[in-house]
Amino acid sequence: QVQLVESGGGLVQAGGSLNLSCAASGTIFDLEFMGWYRRVPGRQRELVATIASGRRTNYADSVRGRFTISRDKDKNTVHLQMNSLQPEDTTVYYCVADRGPLKSRYWGKGTLVTVSS
């Protein structure tokens, strides 16, 4: 089992920045990748950014150039630096991690980001 705990959400004005963090604990020696998804109205969740164990990153087109994902493997933590936030970025952000050869997927409970115009 893997436990993921997010932090760093909150309220910010348009154009501002927030940094989300997610700490992993439990059976984490074989984490394949960690990342962030966010809730989208009418859909389940959409990918925001992921980072693989080899540090390869992947971003949604809507956030590329504004958001940066990083991972501290020693601390088993993943960060999402979000700059130039816009009201359309308002939603719940979820930390995700895949582990093991079967790529079992684990989710955090989410953290709310609210961007005011």
PDB file of N, CA and C in Angstrom:
ATOM      1  N   GLN A   1       0.832  -1.192   0.000  1.00  0.00           N
ATOM      2  CA  GLN A   1       0.000   0.000   0.000  1.00  0.00           C
ATOM      3  C   GLN A   1       0.863   1.237   0.000  1.00  0.00           C
ATOM      4  N   VAL A   2       0.314   2.255  -0.617  1.00  0.00           N
ATOM      5  CA  VAL A   2       0.997   3.547  -0.684  1.00  0.00           C
ATOM      6  C   VAL A   2       0.025   4.606  -0.182  1.00  0.00           C
ATOM      7  N   GLN A   3       0.488   5.456   0.675  1.00  0.00           N
ATOM      8  CA  GLN A   3      -0.301   6.589   1.132  1.00  0.00           C
ATOM      9  C   GLN A   3       0.296   7.867   0.551  1.00  0.00           C
ATOM     10  N   LEU A   4      -0.576   8.702   0.028  1.00  0.00           N
ATOM     11  CA  LEU A   4      -0.165   9.961  -0.576  1.00  0.00           C
ATOM     12  C   LEU A   4      -0.886  11.103   0.123  1.00  0.00           C
ATOM     13  N   VAL A   5      -0.133  12.075   0.570  1.00  0.00           N
ATOM     14  CA  VAL A   5      -0.715  13.213   1.272  1.00  0.00           C
ATOM     15  C   VAL A   5      -0.306  14.498   0.578  1.00  0.00           C
ATOM     16  N   GLU A   6      -1.294  15.219   0.086  1.00  0.00           N
ATOM     17  CA  GLU A   6      -1.038  16.476  -0.620  1.00  0.00           C
ATOM     18  C   GLU A   6      -1.085  17.664   0.335  1.00  0.00           C
ATOM     19  N   SER A   7      -0.374  18.709  -0.054  1.00  0.00           N
ATOM     20  CA  SER A   7      -0.427  19.968   0.685  1.00  0.00           C
ATOM     21  C   SER A   7      -0.115  21.098  -0.275  1.00  0.00           C
ATOM     22  N   GLY A   8      -0.454  22.316   0.143  1.00  0.00           N
ATOM     23  CA  GLY A   8      -0.077  23.488  -0.632  1.00  0.00           C
ATOM     24  C   GLY A   8      -1.190  24.143  -1.404  1.00  0.00           C
ATOM     25  N   GLY A   9      -2.377  23.556  -1.409  1.00  0.00           N
ATOM     26  CA  GLY A   9      -3.486  24.196  -2.104  1.00  0.00           C
ATOM     27  C   GLY A   9      -3.930  25.450  -1.371  1.00  0.00           C
ATOM     28  N   GLY A  10      -4.787  26.223  -2.027  1.00  0.00           N
ATOM     29  CA  GLY A  10      -5.296  27.440  -1.390  1.00  0.00           C
ATOM     30  C   GLY A  10      -5.864  28.398  -2.394  1.00  0.00           C
ATOM     31  N   LEU A  11      -6.014  29.639  -1.957  1.00  0.00           N
ATOM     32  CA  LEU A  11      -6.600  30.703  -2.778  1.00  0.00           C
ATOM     33  C   LEU A  11      -5.506  31.646  -3.245  1.00  0.00           C
ATOM     34  N   VAL A  12      -5.536  31.964  -4.519  1.00  0.00           N
ATOM     35  CA  VAL A  12      -4.547  32.874  -5.082  1.00  0.00           C
ATOM     36  C   VAL A  12      -5.221  33.708  -6.169  1.00  0.00           C
ATOM     37  N   GLN A  13      -4.721  34.909  -6.403  1.00  0.00           N
ATOM     38  CA  GLN A  13      -5.244  35.744  -7.472  1.00  0.00           C
ATOM     39  C   GLN A  13      -4.694  35.301  -8.818  1.00  0.00           C
ATOM     40  N   ALA A  14      -5.427  35.607  -9.849  1.00  0.00           N
ATOM     41  CA  ALA A  14      -4.971  35.293 -11.199  1.00  0.00           C
ATOM     42  C   ALA A  14      -3.591  35.901 -11.424  1.00  0.00           C
ATOM     43  N   GLY A  15      -2.733  35.112 -12.041  1.00  0.00           N
ATOM     44  CA  GLY A  15      -1.358  35.528 -12.264  1.00  0.00           C
ATOM     45  C   GLY A  15      -0.413  35.125 -11.156  1.00  0.00           C
ATOM     46  N   GLY A  16      -0.959  34.639 -10.058  1.00  0.00           N
ATOM     47  CA  GLY A  16      -0.143  34.242  -8.921  1.00  0.00           C
ATOM     48  C   GLY A  16       0.399  32.831  -9.042  1.00  0.00           C
ATOM     49  N   SER A  17       1.031  32.384  -7.960  1.00  0.00           N
ATOM     50  CA  SER A  17       1.691  31.080  -7.953  1.00  0.00           C
ATOM     51  C   SER A  17       1.324  30.291  -6.701  1.00  0.00           C
ATOM     52  N   LEU A  18       1.366  28.993  -6.843  1.00  0.00           N
ATOM     53  CA  LEU A  18       1.236  28.073  -5.722  1.00  0.00           C
ATOM     54  C   LEU A  18       2.179  26.907  -5.954  1.00  0.00           C
ATOM     55  N   ASN A  19       2.599  26.281  -4.870  1.00  0.00           N
ATOM     56  CA  ASN A  19       3.430  25.092  -4.960  1.00  0.00           C
ATOM     57  C   ASN A  19       2.743  23.961  -4.203  1.00  0.00           C
ATOM     58  N   LEU A  20       2.378  22.925  -4.926  1.00  0.00           N
ATOM     59  CA  LEU A  20       1.777  21.758  -4.320  1.00  0.00           C
ATOM     60  C   LEU A  20       2.852  20.729  -4.013  1.00  0.00           C
ATOM     61  N   SER A  21       2.671  20.028  -2.911  1.00  0.00           N
ATOM     62  CA  SER A  21       3.584  18.953  -2.548  1.00  0.00           C
ATOM     63  C   SER A  21       2.786  17.700  -2.239  1.00  0.00           C
ATOM     64  N   CYS A  22       3.405  16.558  -2.473  1.00  0.00           N
ATOM     65  CA  CYS A  22       2.782  15.272  -2.182  1.00  0.00           C
ATOM     66  C   CYS A  22       3.845  14.358  -1.597  1.00  0.00           C
ATOM     67  N   ALA A  23       3.589  13.889  -0.397  1.00  0.00           N
ATOM     68  CA  ALA A  23       4.518  12.995   0.280  1.00  0.00           C
ATOM     69  C   ALA A  23       3.983  11.575   0.230  1.00  0.00           C
ATOM     70  N   ALA A  24       4.820  10.653  -0.213  1.00  0.00           N
ATOM     71  CA  ALA A  24       4.448   9.248  -0.300  1.00  0.00           C
ATOM     72  C   ALA A  24       5.031   8.481   0.869  1.00  0.00           C
ATOM     73  N   SER A  25       4.268   7.533   1.378  1.00  0.00           N
ATOM     74  CA  SER A  25       4.736   6.664   2.448  1.00  0.00           C
ATOM     75  C   SER A  25       4.140   5.276   2.244  1.00  0.00           C
ATOM     76  N   GLY A  26       4.680   4.311   2.996  1.00  0.00           N
ATOM     77  CA  GLY A  26       4.233   2.930   2.844  1.00  0.00           C
ATOM     78  C   GLY A  26       5.227   2.141   2.015  1.00  0.00           C
ATOM     79  N   THR A  27       4.725   1.293   1.144  1.00  0.00           N
ATOM     80  CA  THR A  27       5.587   0.472   0.282  1.00  0.00           C
ATOM     81  C   THR A  27       5.932   1.286  -0.953  1.00  0.00           C
ATOM     82  N   ILE A  28       7.041   1.971  -0.913  1.00  0.00           N
ATOM     83  CA  ILE A  28       7.354   2.943  -1.951  1.00  0.00           C
ATOM     84  C   ILE A  28       8.692   2.697  -2.621  1.00  0.00           C
ATOM     85  N   PHE A  29       9.326   1.549  -2.336  1.00  0.00           N
ATOM     86  CA  PHE A  29      10.664   1.344  -2.888  1.00  0.00           C
ATOM     87  C   PHE A  29      10.615   1.158  -4.395  1.00  0.00           C
ATOM     88  N   ASP A  30       9.427   0.810  -4.943  1.00  0.00           N
ATOM     89  CA  ASP A  30       9.347   0.533  -6.384  1.00  0.00           C
ATOM     90  C   ASP A  30       8.333   1.442  -7.073  1.00  0.00           C
ATOM     91  N   LEU A  31       8.278   2.687  -6.645  1.00  0.00           N
ATOM     92  CA  LEU A  31       7.402   3.638  -7.322  1.00  0.00           C
ATOM     93  C   LEU A  31       7.882   3.856  -8.752  1.00  0.00           C
ATOM     94  N   GLU A  32       6.975   3.701  -9.718  1.00  0.00           N
ATOM     95  CA  GLU A  32       7.334   3.902 -11.110  1.00  0.00           C
ATOM     96  C   GLU A  32       7.304   5.376 -11.466  1.00  0.00           C
ATOM     97  N   PHE A  33       6.198   6.023 -11.158  1.00  0.00           N
ATOM     98  CA  PHE A  33       6.152   7.462 -11.354  1.00  0.00           C
ATOM     99  C   PHE A  33       5.172   8.087 -10.385  1.00  0.00           C
ATOM    100  N   MET A  34       5.311   9.371 -10.246  1.00  0.00           N
ATOM    101  CA  MET A  34       4.390  10.177  -9.459  1.00  0.00           C
ATOM    102  C   MET A  34       3.921  11.343 -10.306  1.00  0.00           C
ATOM    103  N   GLY A  35       2.805  11.913  -9.925  1.00  0.00           N
ATOM    104  CA  GLY A  35       2.335  13.042 -10.710  1.00  0.00           C
ATOM    105  C   GLY A  35       1.089  13.662 -10.144  1.00  0.00           C
ATOM    106  N   TRP A  36       0.470  14.496 -10.961  1.00  0.00           N
ATOM    107  CA  TRP A  36      -0.712  15.244 -10.566  1.00  0.00           C
ATOM    108  C   TRP A  36      -1.784  15.158 -11.647  1.00  0.00           C
ATOM    109  N   TYR A  37      -2.991  14.934 -11.190  1.00  0.00           N
ATOM    110  CA  TYR A  37      -4.178  15.041 -12.024  1.00  0.00           C
ATOM    111  C   TYR A  37      -5.081  16.093 -11.393  1.00  0.00           C
ATOM    112  N   ARG A  38      -6.076  16.538 -12.145  1.00  0.00           N
ATOM    113  CA  ARG A  38      -7.046  17.459 -11.571  1.00  0.00           C
ATOM    114  C   ARG A  38      -8.452  17.117 -12.044  1.00  0.00           C
ATOM    115  N   ARG A  39      -9.424  17.484 -11.227  1.00  0.00           N
ATOM    116  CA  ARG A  39     -10.809  17.204 -11.533  1.00  0.00           C
ATOM    117  C   ARG A  39     -11.281  18.133 -12.629  1.00  0.00           C
ATOM    118  N   VAL A  40     -12.043  17.588 -13.561  1.00  0.00           N
ATOM    119  CA  VAL A  40     -12.589  18.358 -14.665  1.00  0.00           C
ATOM    120  C   VAL A  40     -14.093  18.149 -14.686  1.00  0.00           C
ATOM    121  N   PRO A  41     -14.897  19.228 -14.738  1.00  0.00           N
ATOM    122  CA  PRO A  41     -16.358  19.060 -14.767  1.00  0.00           C
ATOM    123  C   PRO A  41     -16.799  18.162 -15.902  1.00  0.00           C
ATOM    124  N   GLY A  42     -17.644  17.208 -15.589  1.00  0.00           N
ATOM    125  CA  GLY A  42     -18.176  16.320 -16.612  1.00  0.00           C
ATOM    126  C   GLY A  42     -17.261  15.167 -16.975  1.00  0.00           C
ATOM    127  N   ARG A  43     -16.055  15.163 -16.421  1.00  0.00           N
ATOM    128  CA  ARG A  43     -15.116  14.072 -16.694  1.00  0.00           C
ATOM    129  C   ARG A  43     -14.528  13.613 -15.387  1.00  0.00           C
ATOM    130  N   GLN A  44     -13.763  12.563 -15.427  1.00  0.00           N
ATOM    131  CA  GLN A  44     -13.172  12.080 -14.185  1.00  0.00           C
ATOM    132  C   GLN A  44     -12.036  12.980 -13.753  1.00  0.00           C
ATOM    133  N   ARG A  45     -10.886  12.746 -14.271  1.00  0.00           N
ATOM    134  CA  ARG A  45      -9.721  13.551 -13.930  1.00  0.00           C
ATOM    135  C   ARG A  45      -8.859  13.670 -15.173  1.00  0.00           C
ATOM    136  N   GLU A  46      -8.172  14.779 -15.272  1.00  0.00           N
ATOM    137  CA  GLU A  46      -7.259  14.941 -16.393  1.00  0.00           C
ATOM    138  C   GLU A  46      -5.834  15.054 -15.890  1.00  0.00           C
ATOM    139  N   LEU A  47      -4.929  14.551 -16.705  1.00  0.00           N
ATOM    140  CA  LEU A  47      -3.514  14.626 -16.358  1.00  0.00           C
ATOM    141  C   LEU A  47      -3.054  16.074 -16.364  1.00  0.00           C
ATOM    142  N   VAL A  48      -2.280  16.418 -15.355  1.00  0.00           N
ATOM    143  CA  VAL A  48      -1.653  17.738 -15.299  1.00  0.00           C
ATOM    144  C   VAL A  48      -0.167  17.591 -15.617  1.00  0.00           C
ATOM    145  N   ALA A  49       0.527  16.767 -14.834  1.00  0.00           N
ATOM    146  CA  ALA A  49       1.950  16.558 -15.046  1.00  0.00           C
ATOM    147  C   ALA A  49       2.380  15.287 -14.330  1.00  0.00           C
ATOM    148  N   THR A  50       3.321  14.574 -14.923  1.00  0.00           N
ATOM    149  CA  THR A  50       3.876  13.383 -14.288  1.00  0.00           C
ATOM    150  C   THR A  50       5.390  13.390 -14.437  1.00  0.00           C
ATOM    151  N   ILE A  51       6.034  12.664 -13.552  1.00  0.00           N
ATOM    152  CA  ILE A  51       7.483  12.522 -13.608  1.00  0.00           C
ATOM    153  C   ILE A  51       7.809  11.075 -13.312  1.00  0.00           C
ATOM    154  N   ALA A  52       8.568  10.455 -14.221  1.00  0.00           N
ATOM    155  CA  ALA A  52       8.910   9.048 -14.086  1.00  0.00           C
ATOM    156  C   ALA A  52      10.138   8.880 -13.194  1.00  0.00           C
ATOM    157  N   SER A  53      10.418   7.630 -12.850  1.00  0.00           N
ATOM    158  CA  SER A  53      11.552   7.374 -11.974  1.00  0.00           C
ATOM    159  C   SER A  53      12.851   7.837 -12.603  1.00  0.00           C
ATOM    160  N   GLY A  54      12.906   7.840 -13.936  1.00  0.00           N
ATOM    161  CA  GLY A  54      14.083   8.332 -14.631  1.00  0.00           C
ATOM    162  C   GLY A  54      14.055   9.821 -14.856  1.00  0.00           C
ATOM    163  N   ARG A  55      13.112  10.500 -14.239  1.00  0.00           N
ATOM    164  CA  ARG A  55      12.952  11.954 -14.270  1.00  0.00           C
ATOM    165  C   ARG A  55      12.361  12.464 -15.572  1.00  0.00           C
ATOM    166  N   ARG A  56      11.890  11.590 -16.442  1.00  0.00           N
ATOM    167  CA  ARG A  56      11.221  12.068 -17.645  1.00  0.00           C
ATOM    168  C   ARG A  56       9.891  12.668 -17.238  1.00  0.00           C
ATOM    169  N   THR A  57       9.578  13.838 -17.762  1.00  0.00           N
ATOM    170  CA  THR A  57       8.360  14.551 -17.387  1.00  0.00           C
ATOM    171  C   THR A  57       7.367  14.587 -18.543  1.00  0.00           C
ATOM    172  N   ASN A  58       6.106  14.771 -18.190  1.00  0.00           N
ATOM    173  CA  ASN A  58       5.046  14.873 -19.171  1.00  0.00           C
ATOM    174  C   ASN A  58       4.053  15.909 -18.653  1.00  0.00           C
ATOM    175  N   TYR A  59       3.615  16.810 -19.525  1.00  0.00           N
ATOM    176  CA  TYR A  59       2.708  17.877 -19.124  1.00  0.00           C
ATOM    177  C   TYR A  59       1.492  17.934 -20.047  1.00  0.00           C
ATOM    178  N   ALA A  60       0.377  18.348 -19.480  1.00  0.00           N
ATOM    179  CA  ALA A  60      -0.778  18.675 -20.310  1.00  0.00           C
ATOM    180  C   ALA A  60      -0.468  19.948 -21.085  1.00  0.00           C
ATOM    181  N   ASP A  61      -0.999  20.040 -22.284  1.00  0.00           N
ATOM    182  CA  ASP A  61      -0.755  21.224 -23.108  1.00  0.00           C
ATOM    183  C   ASP A  61      -1.192  22.501 -22.392  1.00  0.00           C
ATOM    184  N   SER A  62      -2.253  22.397 -21.604  1.00  0.00           N
ATOM    185  CA  SER A  62      -2.823  23.575 -20.964  1.00  0.00           C
ATOM    186  C   SER A  62      -1.933  24.152 -19.868  1.00  0.00           C
ATOM    187  N   VAL A  63      -0.965  23.371 -19.391  1.00  0.00           N
ATOM    188  CA  VAL A  63      -0.125  23.860 -18.288  1.00  0.00           C
ATOM    189  C   VAL A  63       1.341  23.947 -18.673  1.00  0.00           C
ATOM    190  N   ARG A  64       1.702  23.405 -19.826  1.00  0.00           N
ATOM    191  CA  ARG A  64       3.111  23.403 -20.224  1.00  0.00           C
ATOM    192  C   ARG A  64       3.621  24.848 -20.302  1.00  0.00           C
ATOM    193  N   GLY A  65       4.763  25.077 -19.711  1.00  0.00           N
ATOM    194  CA  GLY A  65       5.340  26.415 -19.683  1.00  0.00           C
ATOM    195  C   GLY A  65       4.928  27.224 -18.459  1.00  0.00           C
ATOM    196  N   ARG A  66       3.883  26.792 -17.773  1.00  0.00           N
ATOM    197  CA  ARG A  66       3.438  27.488 -16.555  1.00  0.00           C
ATOM    198  C   ARG A  66       3.692  26.646 -15.296  1.00  0.00           C
ATOM    199  N   PHE A  67       3.552  25.330 -15.419  1.00  0.00           N
ATOM    200  CA  PHE A  67       3.715  24.428 -14.283  1.00  0.00           C
ATOM    201  C   PHE A  67       5.009  23.644 -14.455  1.00  0.00           C
ATOM    202  N   THR A  68       5.649  23.332 -13.322  1.00  0.00           N
ATOM    203  CA  THR A  68       6.861  22.527 -13.330  1.00  0.00           C
ATOM    204  C   THR A  68       6.753  21.458 -12.261  1.00  0.00           C
ATOM    205  N   ILE A  69       6.964  20.216 -12.671  1.00  0.00           N
ATOM    206  CA  ILE A  69       6.921  19.105 -11.727  1.00  0.00           C
ATOM    207  C   ILE A  69       8.351  18.688 -11.390  1.00  0.00           C
ATOM    208  N   SER A  70       8.563  18.344 -10.132  1.00  0.00           N
ATOM    209  CA  SER A  70       9.875  17.873  -9.699  1.00  0.00           C
ATOM    210  C   SER A  70       9.670  16.798  -8.641  1.00  0.00           C
ATOM    211  N   ARG A  71      10.704  16.013  -8.448  1.00  0.00           N
ATOM    212  CA  ARG A  71      10.575  14.904  -7.512  1.00  0.00           C
ATOM    213  C   ARG A  71      11.824  14.809  -6.662  1.00  0.00           C
ATOM    214  N   ASP A  72      11.641  14.687  -5.385  1.00  0.00           N
ATOM    215  CA  ASP A  72      12.728  14.470  -4.443  1.00  0.00           C
ATOM    216  C   ASP A  72      12.664  13.004  -4.042  1.00  0.00           C
ATOM    217  N   LYS A  73      13.477  12.170  -4.677  1.00  0.00           N
ATOM    218  CA  LYS A  73      13.374  10.740  -4.447  1.00  0.00           C
ATOM    219  C   LYS A  73      13.807  10.369  -3.039  1.00  0.00           C
ATOM    220  N   ASP A  74      14.753  11.094  -2.492  1.00  0.00           N
ATOM    221  CA  ASP A  74      15.204  10.793  -1.135  1.00  0.00           C
ATOM    222  C   ASP A  74      14.081  10.995  -0.125  1.00  0.00           C
ATOM    223  N   LYS A  75      13.225  11.989  -0.398  1.00  0.00           N
ATOM    224  CA  LYS A  75      12.133  12.281   0.507  1.00  0.00           C
ATOM    225  C   LYS A  75      10.812  11.717   0.006  1.00  0.00           C
ATOM    226  N   ASN A  76      10.851  11.036  -1.137  1.00  0.00           N
ATOM    227  CA  ASN A  76       9.642  10.457  -1.716  1.00  0.00           C
ATOM    228  C   ASN A  76       8.534  11.493  -1.821  1.00  0.00           C
ATOM    229  N   THR A  77       8.904  12.618  -2.343  1.00  0.00           N
ATOM    230  CA  THR A  77       7.975  13.738  -2.465  1.00  0.00           C
ATOM    231  C   THR A  77       7.985  14.262  -3.889  1.00  0.00           C
ATOM    232  N   VAL A  78       6.826  14.636  -4.360  1.00  0.00           N
ATOM    233  CA  VAL A  78       6.725  15.268  -5.666  1.00  0.00           C
ATOM    234  C   VAL A  78       6.106  16.649  -5.483  1.00  0.00           C
ATOM    235  N   HIS A  79       6.616  17.609  -6.246  1.00  0.00           N
ATOM    236  CA  HIS A  79       6.159  18.985  -6.149  1.00  0.00           C
ATOM    237  C   HIS A  79       5.596  19.444  -7.488  1.00  0.00           C
ATOM    238  N   LEU A  80       4.671  20.363  -7.414  1.00  0.00           N
ATOM    239  CA  LEU A  80       4.140  20.988  -8.623  1.00  0.00           C
ATOM    240  C   LEU A  80       4.154  22.494  -8.417  1.00  0.00           C
ATOM    241  N   GLN A  81       5.094  23.152  -9.061  1.00  0.00           N
ATOM    242  CA  GLN A  81       5.171  24.599  -9.010  1.00  0.00           C
ATOM    243  C   GLN A  81       4.249  25.148 -10.081  1.00  0.00           C
ATOM    244  N   MET A  82       3.263  25.907  -9.657  1.00  0.00           N
ATOM    245  CA  MET A  82       2.260  26.429 -10.586  1.00  0.00           C
ATOM    246  C   MET A  82       2.380  27.942 -10.645  1.00  0.00           C
ATOM    247  N   ASN A  83       2.750  28.450 -11.810  1.00  0.00           N
ATOM    248  CA  ASN A  83       2.897  29.882 -12.027  1.00  0.00           C
ATOM    249  C   ASN A  83       1.843  30.377 -13.023  1.00  0.00           C
ATOM    250  N   SER A  84       1.652  31.670 -13.036  1.00  0.00           N
ATOM    251  CA  SER A  84       0.685  32.291 -13.966  1.00  0.00           C
ATOM    252  C   SER A  84      -0.665  31.589 -13.899  1.00  0.00           C
ATOM    253  N   LEU A  85      -1.127  31.374 -12.693  1.00  0.00           N
ATOM    254  CA  LEU A  85      -2.401  30.672 -12.508  1.00  0.00           C
ATOM    255  C   LEU A  85      -3.563  31.492 -13.047  1.00  0.00           C
ATOM    256  N   GLN A  86      -4.513  30.793 -13.597  1.00  0.00           N
ATOM    257  CA  GLN A  86      -5.701  31.413 -14.171  1.00  0.00           C
ATOM    258  C   GLN A  86      -6.958  30.834 -13.528  1.00  0.00           C
ATOM    259  N   PRO A  87      -8.075  31.550 -13.582  1.00  0.00           N
ATOM    260  CA  PRO A  87      -9.305  31.026 -12.970  1.00  0.00           C
ATOM    261  C   PRO A  87      -9.678  29.638 -13.469  1.00  0.00           C
ATOM    262  N   GLU A  88      -9.365  29.337 -14.713  1.00  0.00           N
ATOM    263  CA  GLU A  88      -9.700  28.002 -15.232  1.00  0.00           C
ATOM    264  C   GLU A  88      -8.854  26.896 -14.621  1.00  0.00           C
ATOM    265  N   ASP A  89      -7.829  27.254 -13.856  1.00  0.00           N
ATOM    266  CA  ASP A  89      -7.044  26.254 -13.141  1.00  0.00           C
ATOM    267  C   ASP A  89      -7.692  25.867 -11.810  1.00  0.00           C
ATOM    268  N   THR A  90      -8.771  26.538 -11.460  1.00  0.00           N
ATOM    269  CA  THR A  90      -9.464  26.250 -10.211  1.00  0.00           C
ATOM    270  C   THR A  90     -10.097  24.872 -10.245  1.00  0.00           C
ATOM    271  N   THR A  91      -9.694  24.034  -9.313  1.00  0.00           N
ATOM    272  CA  THR A  91     -10.275  22.712  -9.169  1.00  0.00           C
ATOM    273  C   THR A  91      -9.517  21.969  -8.071  1.00  0.00           C
ATOM    274  N   VAL A  92      -9.854  20.703  -7.882  1.00  0.00           N
ATOM    275  CA  VAL A  92      -9.135  19.847  -6.937  1.00  0.00           C
ATOM    276  C   VAL A  92      -8.005  19.132  -7.675  1.00  0.00           C
ATOM    277  N   TYR A  93      -6.832  19.185  -7.092  1.00  0.00           N
ATOM    278  CA  TYR A  93      -5.645  18.533  -7.649  1.00  0.00           C
ATOM    279  C   TYR A  93      -5.334  17.286  -6.829  1.00  0.00           C
ATOM    280  N   TYR A  94      -5.077  16.186  -7.543  1.00  0.00           N
ATOM    281  CA  TYR A  94      -4.825  14.903  -6.908  1.00  0.00           C
ATOM    282  C   TYR A  94      -3.409  14.430  -7.217  1.00  0.00           C
ATOM    283  N   CYS A  95      -2.741  13.954  -6.188  1.00  0.00           N
ATOM    284  CA  CYS A  95      -1.460  13.296  -6.372  1.00  0.00           C
ATOM    285  C   CYS A  95      -1.704  11.844  -6.775  1.00  0.00           C
ATOM    286  N   VAL A  96      -0.854  11.333  -7.656  1.00  0.00           N
ATOM    287  CA  VAL A  96      -0.984   9.956  -8.119  1.00  0.00           C
ATOM    288  C   VAL A  96       0.385   9.303  -8.135  1.00  0.00           C
ATOM    289  N   ALA A  97       0.396   8.003  -7.888  1.00  0.00           N
ATOM    290  CA  ALA A  97       1.644   7.258  -7.945  1.00  0.00           C
ATOM    291  C   ALA A  97       1.352   5.848  -8.427  1.00  0.00           C
ATOM    292  N   ASP A  98       2.221   5.337  -9.258  1.00  0.00           N
ATOM    293  CA  ASP A  98       2.162   3.956  -9.713  1.00  0.00           C
ATOM    294  C   ASP A  98       3.354   3.212  -9.127  1.00  0.00           C
ATOM    295  N   ARG A  99       3.117   1.984  -8.679  1.00  0.00           N
ATOM    296  CA  ARG A  99       4.233   1.222  -8.146  1.00  0.00           C
ATOM    297  C   ARG A  99       4.174  -0.223  -8.585  1.00  0.00           C
ATOM    298  N   GLY A 100       5.344  -0.851  -8.600  1.00  0.00           N
ATOM    299  CA  GLY A 100       5.439  -2.268  -8.858  1.00  0.00           C
ATOM    300  C   GLY A 100       5.282  -2.628 -10.327  1.00  0.00           C
ATOM    301  N   PRO A 101       5.594  -3.892 -10.642  1.00  0.00           N
ATOM    302  CA  PRO A 101       5.519  -4.346 -12.036  1.00  0.00           C
ATOM    303  C   PRO A 101       4.104  -4.288 -12.616  1.00  0.00           C
ATOM    304  N   LEU A 102       3.097  -4.351 -11.764  1.00  0.00           N
ATOM    305  CA  LEU A 102       1.715  -4.269 -12.237  1.00  0.00           C
ATOM    306  C   LEU A 102       1.227  -2.822 -12.298  1.00  0.00           C
ATOM    307  N   LYS A 103       2.088  -1.904 -11.946  1.00  0.00           N
ATOM    308  CA  LYS A 103       1.755  -0.468 -11.963  1.00  0.00           C
ATOM    309  C   LYS A 103       0.448  -0.209 -11.209  1.00  0.00           C
ATOM    310  N   SER A 104       0.366  -0.696 -10.002  1.00  0.00           N
ATOM    311  CA  SER A 104      -0.792  -0.402  -9.165  1.00  0.00           C
ATOM    312  C   SER A 104      -0.846   1.097  -8.936  1.00  0.00           C
ATOM    313  N   ARG A 105      -2.042   1.669  -9.070  1.00  0.00           N
ATOM    314  CA  ARG A 105      -2.184   3.127  -9.000  1.00  0.00           C
ATOM    315  C   ARG A 105      -2.800   3.522  -7.659  1.00  0.00           C
ATOM    316  N   TYR A 106      -2.214   4.558  -7.097  1.00  0.00           N
ATOM    317  CA  TYR A 106      -2.683   5.082  -5.818  1.00  0.00           C
ATOM    318  C   TYR A 106      -2.974   6.569  -5.973  1.00  0.00           C
ATOM    319  N   TRP A 107      -3.961   7.048  -5.221  1.00  0.00           N
ATOM    320  CA  TRP A 107      -4.384   8.438  -5.289  1.00  0.00           C
ATOM    321  C   TRP A 107      -4.371   9.082  -3.903  1.00  0.00           C
ATOM    322  N   GLY A 108      -4.035  10.355  -3.876  1.00  0.00           N
ATOM    323  CA  GLY A 108      -4.236  11.137  -2.675  1.00  0.00           C
ATOM    324  C   GLY A 108      -5.678  11.594  -2.600  1.00  0.00           C
ATOM    325  N   LYS A 109      -6.021  12.276  -1.511  1.00  0.00           N
ATOM    326  CA  LYS A 109      -7.399  12.725  -1.324  1.00  0.00           C
ATOM    327  C   LYS A 109      -7.692  14.029  -2.044  1.00  0.00           C
ATOM    328  N   GLY A 110      -6.662  14.710  -2.473  1.00  0.00           N
ATOM    329  CA  GLY A 110      -6.853  15.934  -3.234  1.00  0.00           C
ATOM    330  C   GLY A 110      -6.657  17.187  -2.413  1.00  0.00           C
ATOM    331  N   THR A 111      -6.265  18.246  -3.095  1.00  0.00           N
ATOM    332  CA  THR A 111      -6.127  19.556  -2.478  1.00  0.00           C
ATOM    333  C   THR A 111      -6.741  20.593  -3.413  1.00  0.00           C
ATOM    334  N   LEU A 112      -7.498  21.515  -2.828  1.00  0.00           N
ATOM    335  CA  LEU A 112      -8.245  22.476  -3.628  1.00  0.00           C
ATOM    336  C   LEU A 112      -7.391  23.684  -3.965  1.00  0.00           C
ATOM    337  N   VAL A 113      -7.389  24.027  -5.226  1.00  0.00           N
ATOM    338  CA  VAL A 113      -6.745  25.249  -5.707  1.00  0.00           C
ATOM    339  C   VAL A 113      -7.835  26.166  -6.250  1.00  0.00           C
ATOM    340  N   THR A 114      -7.875  27.390  -5.742  1.00  0.00           N
ATOM    341  CA  THR A 114      -8.863  28.356  -6.186  1.00  0.00           C
ATOM    342  C   THR A 114      -8.141  29.601  -6.689  1.00  0.00           C
ATOM    343  N   VAL A 115      -8.409  29.969  -7.927  1.00  0.00           N
ATOM    344  CA  VAL A 115      -7.779  31.139  -8.519  1.00  0.00           C
ATOM    345  C   VAL A 115      -8.868  32.176  -8.778  1.00  0.00           C
ATOM    346  N   SER A 116      -8.750  33.317  -8.128  1.00  0.00           N
ATOM    347  CA  SER A 116      -9.753  34.367  -8.287  1.00  0.00           C
ATOM    348  C   SER A 116      -9.347  35.317  -9.407  1.00  0.00           C
ATOM    349  N   SER A 117     -10.343  35.847 -10.083  1.00  0.00           N
ATOM    350  CA  SER A 117     -10.063  36.765 -11.199  1.00  0.00           C
ATOM    351  C   SER A 117      -9.979  38.208 -10.723  1.00  0.00           C
TER     352      SER A 117
END
